[in-house]
Protein backbone atom coordinates (compact mmCIF):
# COMPACT_ATOMS: atom_id res chain seq x y z
CA MET A 1 -10.39 106.83 -52.87
CA LYS A 2 -11.72 109.72 -53.20
CA LYS A 3 -15.06 109.02 -51.30
CA LEU A 4 -12.86 107.16 -48.67
CA PHE A 5 -10.74 110.45 -48.61
CA LEU A 6 -13.46 112.56 -48.13
CA LEU A 7 -14.67 110.47 -45.59
CA ILE A 8 -11.84 110.71 -43.58
CA GLY A 9 -11.49 114.34 -43.81
CA VAL A 10 -15.36 114.49 -42.48
CA LEU A 11 -14.63 112.24 -39.40
CA ILE A 12 -11.18 114.35 -38.91
CA PHE A 13 -13.07 117.75 -38.88
CA VAL A 14 -15.88 116.07 -36.83
CA PHE A 15 -12.79 114.63 -34.38
CA ALA A 16 -11.07 118.29 -34.24
CA CYS A 17 -14.44 119.79 -33.50
CA GLY A 18 -15.16 117.82 -30.32
CA GLN A 19 -11.70 118.44 -29.03
CA GLU A 20 -12.24 122.02 -29.66
CA LYS A 21 -15.39 121.79 -27.24
CA LYS A 22 -12.87 119.65 -24.75
CA GLN A 23 -10.81 122.25 -22.19
CA SER A 24 -8.24 120.62 -20.48
CA THR A 25 -8.32 120.81 -16.44
CA ASN A 26 -5.71 121.61 -13.88
CA THR A 27 -5.97 119.26 -11.68
CA ASN A 28 -3.36 120.83 -9.74
CA THR A 29 -5.38 123.83 -9.12
CA MET A 30 -7.88 121.13 -7.73
CA ASN A 31 -6.43 119.12 -5.08
CA THR A 32 -8.43 115.67 -4.33
CA GLN A 33 -7.24 113.49 -0.98
CA TYR A 34 -8.64 110.75 -2.99
CA PRO A 35 -6.86 109.85 -6.03
CA GLU A 36 -7.68 106.57 -5.62
CA ILE A 37 -11.54 106.85 -6.27
CA ASN A 38 -12.86 106.68 -9.89
CA ALA A 39 -16.06 106.43 -11.82
CA ASN A 40 -16.21 102.72 -11.28
CA ASN A 41 -15.52 102.28 -7.66
CA PHE A 42 -17.13 105.34 -6.36
CA GLU A 43 -20.39 103.50 -4.86
CA GLN A 44 -18.89 100.86 -3.65
CA ARG A 45 -16.20 102.62 -1.67
CA LEU A 46 -18.93 104.66 -0.46
CA TYR A 47 -20.83 101.75 1.17
CA ASN A 48 -17.84 100.40 2.18
CA SER A 49 -17.20 103.47 4.85
CA ILE A 50 -20.73 103.07 6.66
CA LYS A 51 -21.09 101.33 9.60
CA TYR A 52 -24.33 100.39 11.14
CA TYR A 53 -25.71 100.26 14.49
CA ASP A 54 -28.24 99.34 16.86
CA LYS A 55 -29.50 103.09 17.51
CA GLN A 56 -29.20 105.53 14.71
CA PRO A 57 -29.86 108.46 16.08
CA MET A 58 -31.05 111.63 13.37
CA TYR A 59 -31.14 114.61 14.43
CA TYR A 60 -33.64 117.63 12.79
CA ILE A 61 -35.12 120.73 13.11
CA ARG A 62 -38.47 122.31 12.45
CA ILE A 63 -38.16 126.11 11.90
CA ASN A 64 -41.61 128.32 12.02
CA LYS A 65 -41.25 131.68 11.47
CA ILE A 66 -42.91 134.88 10.56
CA ASN A 67 -42.42 138.26 8.69
CA CYS A 68 -38.66 137.25 7.74
CA VAL A 69 -36.45 134.69 5.92
CA VAL A 70 -33.68 133.09 7.13
CA GLU A 71 -30.67 131.35 7.13
CA ILE A 72 -29.60 128.47 9.30
CA LEU A 73 -25.90 126.80 10.32
CA ILE A 74 -24.80 124.11 12.64
CA ASN A 75 -21.52 124.30 14.01
CA ASP A 76 -21.47 127.36 11.62
CA TYR A 77 -22.22 125.03 8.89
CA ARG A 78 -24.72 126.44 6.90
CA MET A 79 -27.37 123.74 6.47
CA TYR A 80 -30.50 125.66 4.93
CA ARG A 81 -31.70 128.73 3.38
CA ASP A 82 -35.63 129.74 3.26
CA TYR A 83 -35.90 132.70 1.08
CA GLU A 84 -40.20 132.65 0.55
CA LEU A 85 -42.79 133.75 3.13
CA SER A 86 -44.04 130.11 3.70
CA ASN A 87 -42.55 126.95 5.94
CA TYR A 88 -41.35 123.96 5.80
CA ALA A 89 -44.13 121.35 6.42
CA THR A 90 -41.83 118.67 7.46
CA PRO A 91 -38.83 118.27 9.61
CA LEU A 92 -35.07 118.99 7.99
CA GLU A 93 -32.67 116.53 9.11
CA ILE A 94 -29.05 118.33 10.39
CA ASN A 95 -26.79 114.89 11.29
CA ASP A 96 -24.55 116.10 8.30
CA ALA A 97 -23.22 118.74 10.58
CA ILE A 98 -22.97 117.09 13.59
CA LEU A 99 -19.18 115.37 13.23
CA LYS A 100 -19.18 114.12 16.52
CA SER A 101 -21.34 113.50 20.55
CA GLY A 102 -21.42 116.65 22.34
CA GLU A 103 -22.46 120.46 22.48
CA GLN A 104 -23.69 121.50 18.98
CA LYS A 105 -24.29 124.87 18.31
CA LEU A 106 -26.98 126.57 16.12
CA THR A 107 -27.04 129.96 14.19
CA TYR A 108 -29.64 131.66 12.65
CA ARG A 109 -29.61 134.83 10.78
CA LEU A 110 -33.03 136.75 9.87
CA TYR A 111 -33.53 138.98 6.88
CA PRO A 112 -36.70 141.02 6.01
CA VAL A 113 -38.81 139.52 3.48
CA GLY A 114 -38.37 142.09 0.86
CA ASP A 115 -40.64 142.29 -2.21
CA LEU A 116 -41.96 138.74 -1.25
CA ILE A 117 -45.38 140.41 -0.27
CA LYS A 118 -45.45 142.58 -3.08
CA GLU A 119 -44.82 139.29 -5.39
CA GLU A 120 -47.10 137.07 -4.10
CA TYR A 121 -50.39 138.60 -3.38
CA GLY A 122 -49.82 141.80 -5.82
CA GLU A 123 -49.77 144.41 -2.92
CA GLY A 124 -48.01 145.53 -0.50
CA ASP A 125 -44.73 147.38 0.50
CA THR A 126 -41.21 146.83 -0.31
CA VAL A 127 -40.10 145.73 3.60
CA THR A 128 -36.84 146.66 4.04
CA THR A 129 -36.33 146.18 7.85
CA LEU A 130 -37.21 143.26 10.34
CA THR A 131 -40.86 144.49 12.02
CA ASN A 132 -42.32 144.55 15.48
CA ASN A 133 -44.11 141.21 14.92
CA THR A 134 -40.89 139.00 13.19
CA ALA A 135 -40.75 136.05 15.15
CA VAL A 136 -38.82 132.48 14.73
CA SER A 137 -39.46 129.02 16.19
CA ILE A 138 -36.97 126.56 15.99
CA SER A 139 -37.39 123.01 17.75
CA ILE A 140 -34.69 120.39 17.59
CA ILE A 141 -35.77 116.71 17.23
CA LYS A 142 -34.26 113.67 17.91
CA MET A 143 -35.51 110.24 16.17
CA ASP A 144 -34.01 106.89 15.69
CA ASN A 145 -33.23 106.12 12.31
CA ASN A 146 -34.05 102.17 12.39
CA GLY A 147 -37.54 102.59 13.49
CA GLU A 148 -40.44 104.03 11.45
CA LYS A 149 -40.25 107.85 11.21
CA ARG A 150 -43.79 108.75 12.83
CA LEU A 151 -44.56 111.98 14.62
CA GLU A 152 -45.47 110.48 17.55
CA ASP A 153 -41.94 108.89 17.59
CA GLU A 154 -40.12 112.70 18.43
CA GLU A 155 -38.16 113.37 20.82
CA VAL A 156 -38.19 117.28 21.02
CA ILE A 157 -34.49 117.86 22.88
CA ILE A 158 -35.14 121.71 23.10
CA LYS A 159 -37.35 124.36 21.16
CA HIS A 160 -35.90 127.98 20.60
CA THR A 161 -37.78 130.89 20.33
CA SER A 162 -37.04 134.31 19.22
CA LEU A 163 -36.69 137.01 22.46
CA ASN A 164 -39.19 140.38 22.13
CA ASP A 165 -38.60 143.34 24.08
CA SER A 166 -40.65 144.80 27.28
CA LYS A 167 -43.40 146.01 24.83
CA GLY A 168 -43.56 142.43 22.88
CA ASN A 169 -41.83 143.32 20.14
CA PHE A 170 -39.74 141.69 18.51
CA ILE A 171 -35.71 142.38 19.79
CA ALA A 172 -34.68 143.72 16.59
CA SER A 173 -37.38 145.18 14.71
CA GLY A 174 -36.03 148.25 12.74
CA LYS A 175 -32.74 146.18 11.76
CA PRO A 176 -31.96 145.14 8.62
CA TYR A 177 -30.33 141.85 9.90
CA TYR A 178 -30.62 139.86 13.11
CA GLU A 179 -28.45 136.61 14.36
CA PHE A 180 -28.70 134.36 17.10
CA THR A 181 -26.81 131.46 18.32
CA PHE A 182 -28.19 128.99 20.72
CA SER A 183 -26.61 125.45 21.97
CA PHE A 184 -27.69 121.78 22.37
CA ASN A 185 -26.26 118.18 22.97
CA ALA A 186 -26.75 115.70 20.11
CA TYR A 187 -25.22 112.13 20.36
CA VAL A 188 -24.19 110.54 17.98
CA PRO A 189 -22.07 106.74 17.08
CA TYR A 190 -19.79 108.32 14.54
CA GLU A 191 -17.27 110.56 14.52
CA ASN A 192 -16.45 112.86 11.35
CA GLU A 193 -13.25 114.76 10.41
CA GLY A 194 -15.15 117.16 8.48
CA TRP A 195 -13.57 120.53 8.18
CA THR A 196 -11.92 120.09 11.57
CA LYS A 197 -8.44 119.51 10.48
CA GLY A 198 -8.41 122.99 7.98
CA GLN A 199 -6.60 125.87 8.84
CA ASP A 200 -8.13 129.01 9.70
CA LEU A 201 -8.62 130.91 5.93
CA THR A 202 -9.28 134.20 7.55
CA LYS A 203 -5.43 134.65 8.68
CA LEU A 204 -4.33 133.94 5.88
CA ASP A 205 -3.19 135.76 2.61
CA GLN A 206 -7.18 137.23 1.48
CA LYS A 207 -5.80 137.94 -2.51
CA LEU A 208 -4.08 134.47 -2.76
CA LEU A 209 -6.91 132.98 -1.25
CA GLU A 210 -9.29 134.48 -3.30
CA GLN A 211 -7.24 133.59 -6.46
CA LYS A 212 -6.94 130.01 -6.26
CA ALA A 213 -10.70 130.02 -4.92
CA VAL A 214 -11.76 131.36 -8.23
CA GLU A 215 -9.04 129.39 -10.27
CA PHE A 216 -11.06 126.24 -8.42
CA TYR A 217 -14.46 127.25 -9.18
CA ARG A 218 -13.30 127.91 -12.77
CA GLU A 219 -11.80 124.23 -13.37
CA TYR A 220 -14.30 122.83 -11.63
CA GLY A 221 -16.54 123.96 -14.07
CA LYS A 222 -15.06 122.63 -16.88
CA ILE A 223 -15.57 118.99 -15.56
CA TYR A 224 -19.09 119.42 -16.66
CA ASN A 225 -18.15 120.64 -20.27
CA ASN A 226 -15.42 117.61 -20.32
CA LYS A 227 -18.22 115.24 -18.55
CA ASP A 228 -14.69 113.94 -16.07
CA LEU A 229 -16.94 111.14 -14.09
CA THR A 230 -13.76 110.23 -12.41
CA LEU A 231 -12.76 113.64 -11.08
CA LEU A 232 -16.26 114.42 -9.85
CA ALA A 233 -16.31 111.88 -7.84
CA GLN A 234 -12.61 112.41 -6.76
CA LEU A 235 -13.41 115.83 -5.24
CA ASN A 236 -17.00 115.39 -3.68
CA PHE A 237 -16.00 111.78 -2.23
CA GLY A 238 -14.92 113.31 1.29
CA GLU A 239 -18.14 115.61 1.28
CA GLU A 240 -20.31 112.48 0.53
CA LYS A 241 -18.11 110.43 2.69
CA ARG A 242 -19.63 112.36 5.63
CA ASN A 243 -22.96 112.44 4.84
CA ALA A 244 -23.67 108.82 4.02
CA ILE A 245 -21.69 108.11 7.50
CA SER A 246 -23.60 110.88 9.19
CA LEU A 247 -27.38 109.53 7.80
CA TYR A 248 -26.50 106.32 7.91
CA LYS A 249 -27.20 105.60 3.94
CA ARG A 250 -28.33 102.46 2.26
CA LYS A 251 -27.00 100.73 -0.49
CA ALA A 252 -29.92 102.37 -3.14
CA ASP A 253 -29.31 106.07 -1.33
CA ILE A 254 -25.77 105.55 -2.91
CA ASN A 255 -27.07 104.29 -6.11
CA LYS A 256 -29.46 107.02 -6.31
CA LEU A 257 -27.20 109.16 -5.03
CA TRP A 258 -24.38 108.82 -7.95
CA GLU A 259 -27.32 108.67 -10.92
CA GLU A 260 -28.17 112.09 -9.62
CA TYR A 261 -24.32 112.71 -10.56
CA ARG A 262 -24.19 110.87 -13.69
CA ASP A 263 -27.84 112.77 -14.49
CA ASP A 264 -25.54 116.19 -14.34
CA PHE A 265 -23.74 115.09 -17.22
CA ASN A 266 -26.73 114.36 -19.51
CA LYS A 267 -27.82 117.78 -19.19
CA LYS A 268 -28.76 119.53 -22.25
CA ASN A 269 -26.94 122.75 -23.37
CA ILE A 270 -24.98 122.45 -20.67
CA LYS A 271 -23.25 126.62 -20.58
CA VAL A 272 -20.36 127.57 -17.55
CA LEU A 273 -20.94 131.22 -17.36
CA PRO A 274 -17.42 133.22 -16.38
CA ILE A 275 -17.07 133.51 -12.71
CA GLU A 276 -17.86 137.31 -11.42
CA ASN A 277 -20.12 139.21 -9.02
CA TYR A 278 -19.11 137.43 -6.11
CA ARG A 279 -17.70 137.69 -2.50
CA ILE A 280 -16.17 135.36 -0.33
CA VAL A 281 -18.01 133.94 2.82
CA PHE A 282 -16.68 131.78 5.66
CA PHE A 283 -18.17 129.05 7.45
CA GLY A 284 -16.85 126.57 9.55
CA ASN A 285 -15.41 129.06 12.43
CA GLY A 286 -12.95 130.51 9.33
CA LYS A 287 -12.08 127.28 7.80
CA ILE A 288 -14.19 126.84 5.23
CA ALA A 289 -14.25 129.37 2.11
CA PHE A 290 -17.14 129.72 -0.18
CA LEU A 291 -17.35 131.83 -3.40
CA GLN A 292 -21.42 132.94 -2.90
CA LEU A 293 -22.85 135.55 -6.08
CA ASN A 294 -24.39 138.76 -5.19
CA SER A 295 -27.79 138.14 -5.76
CA MET A 296 -31.07 139.04 -3.96
CA GLU A 297 -33.22 137.10 -6.51
CA TYR A 298 -34.33 133.63 -6.26
CA PRO A 299 -32.78 131.49 -7.11
CA TYR A 300 -29.46 132.84 -7.31
CA ARG A 301 -29.72 133.97 -3.60
CA GLY A 302 -26.79 132.53 -0.76
CA SER A 303 -25.91 130.05 -4.27
CA GLY A 304 -22.30 129.50 -5.16
CA ALA A 305 -20.65 131.65 -8.06
CA LEU A 306 -20.01 128.79 -10.03
CA ARG A 307 -23.43 129.18 -12.55
CA ILE A 308 -24.12 126.15 -15.32
CA ASP A 309 -27.03 126.76 -17.90
CA TYR A 310 -28.93 124.14 -19.23
CA VAL A 311 -32.13 122.87 -21.10
CA ASN A 312 -33.95 120.71 -18.64
CA LYS A 313 -36.28 117.52 -19.71
CA ARG A 314 -39.33 119.27 -20.66
CA ASN A 315 -37.26 121.61 -22.40
CA ASN A 316 -37.38 124.86 -20.33
CA GLU A 317 -33.85 126.69 -19.47
CA ALA A 318 -32.80 126.06 -16.32
CA VAL A 319 -29.95 126.87 -13.80
CA PHE A 320 -27.43 124.85 -12.00
CA MET A 321 -25.52 125.71 -9.16
CA PRO A 322 -22.97 123.02 -7.54
CA GLY A 323 -21.99 123.97 -3.88
CA ILE A 324 -18.77 123.94 -3.74
CA TYR A 325 -16.91 124.63 0.05
CA LEU A 326 -13.31 124.63 0.02
CA TYR A 327 -10.67 124.07 2.42
CA LEU A 328 -7.00 124.05 3.44
CA PRO A 329 -5.75 120.50 5.12
CA GLU A 330 -3.27 121.04 8.00
CA GLY A 331 -0.15 121.47 6.73
CA LYS A 332 -0.65 122.55 2.78
CA LYS A 333 0.17 125.62 1.80
CA LEU A 334 -2.03 127.84 0.01
CA GLU A 335 0.25 128.27 -3.17
CA ASP A 336 -0.22 125.11 -3.75
CA GLY A 337 -4.30 125.66 -4.02
CA LEU A 338 -7.72 123.99 -2.06
CA TYR A 339 -9.61 121.14 -1.70
CA MET A 340 -13.25 120.30 -1.10
CA ILE A 341 -13.96 119.89 2.42
CA ASN A 342 -14.90 115.93 4.00
């Protein structure tokens, strides 16, 4: 009896300690439009939402920049952040920001290289403004997803090159920031709702908006402590559905995506850090709110305010920052909380 009592006592102690590590999640703070989704049906429901067509056009951008770093937005939805000196070797897909056929808008934001030259070559000055020879060229490329994606299959829809003044110098030389927008037309066989039926968050109570956004980010972090795959699936289903439809994903792509979600829960020594040192950034013409870290350091620059530290497979310290883009559907009250975008 004593041995049994001691064993029960140990089990109770271990169970209690395990329970202390779990944190109750306030699902009222994190609204979901997909309560029917769970960890068991996520893959199949996502696959069922995809349609395939005889022609499946894919749109890409190819960027070449000089003496600057760049952010790219498609239809005011941030697609890429490139804060390095080098350029991407391959074109970058943008279909997931193309919600339907018609006119699309690309915005690029250029920033100075800062200390990148010193870090790369071990010498040089800190560059705080754009220079005379700053330049960027962007090509919009179309290919058919059903065919083999070869360079000779590329169709250049439009090529844009940044402007120079009458002396041949970059038009924004000496400035700390430059932004430019141009349009292009795209045809896609699908139509996604995305964030189009969201409210303009810039016109709402900003203190309450910040409070609700911080609450959402904080509760989202608890998902990783609690390893709640179903809640993670419900919150992310809308965005992943948009991505899957616009990229014509195959079953293998869906399976790989779900494995990535599951792997996030298998990270060792997960530590969710407090939500701090951030600012609210708006996308989607004011319909999307994002809490962005106030940091210029890699890998934090431009990243979300929810930071999760962990130990990777090589036993090195690493960081994971989920992209949590929030909106408020039409007819919903801010007091009742925000939603992740579709």
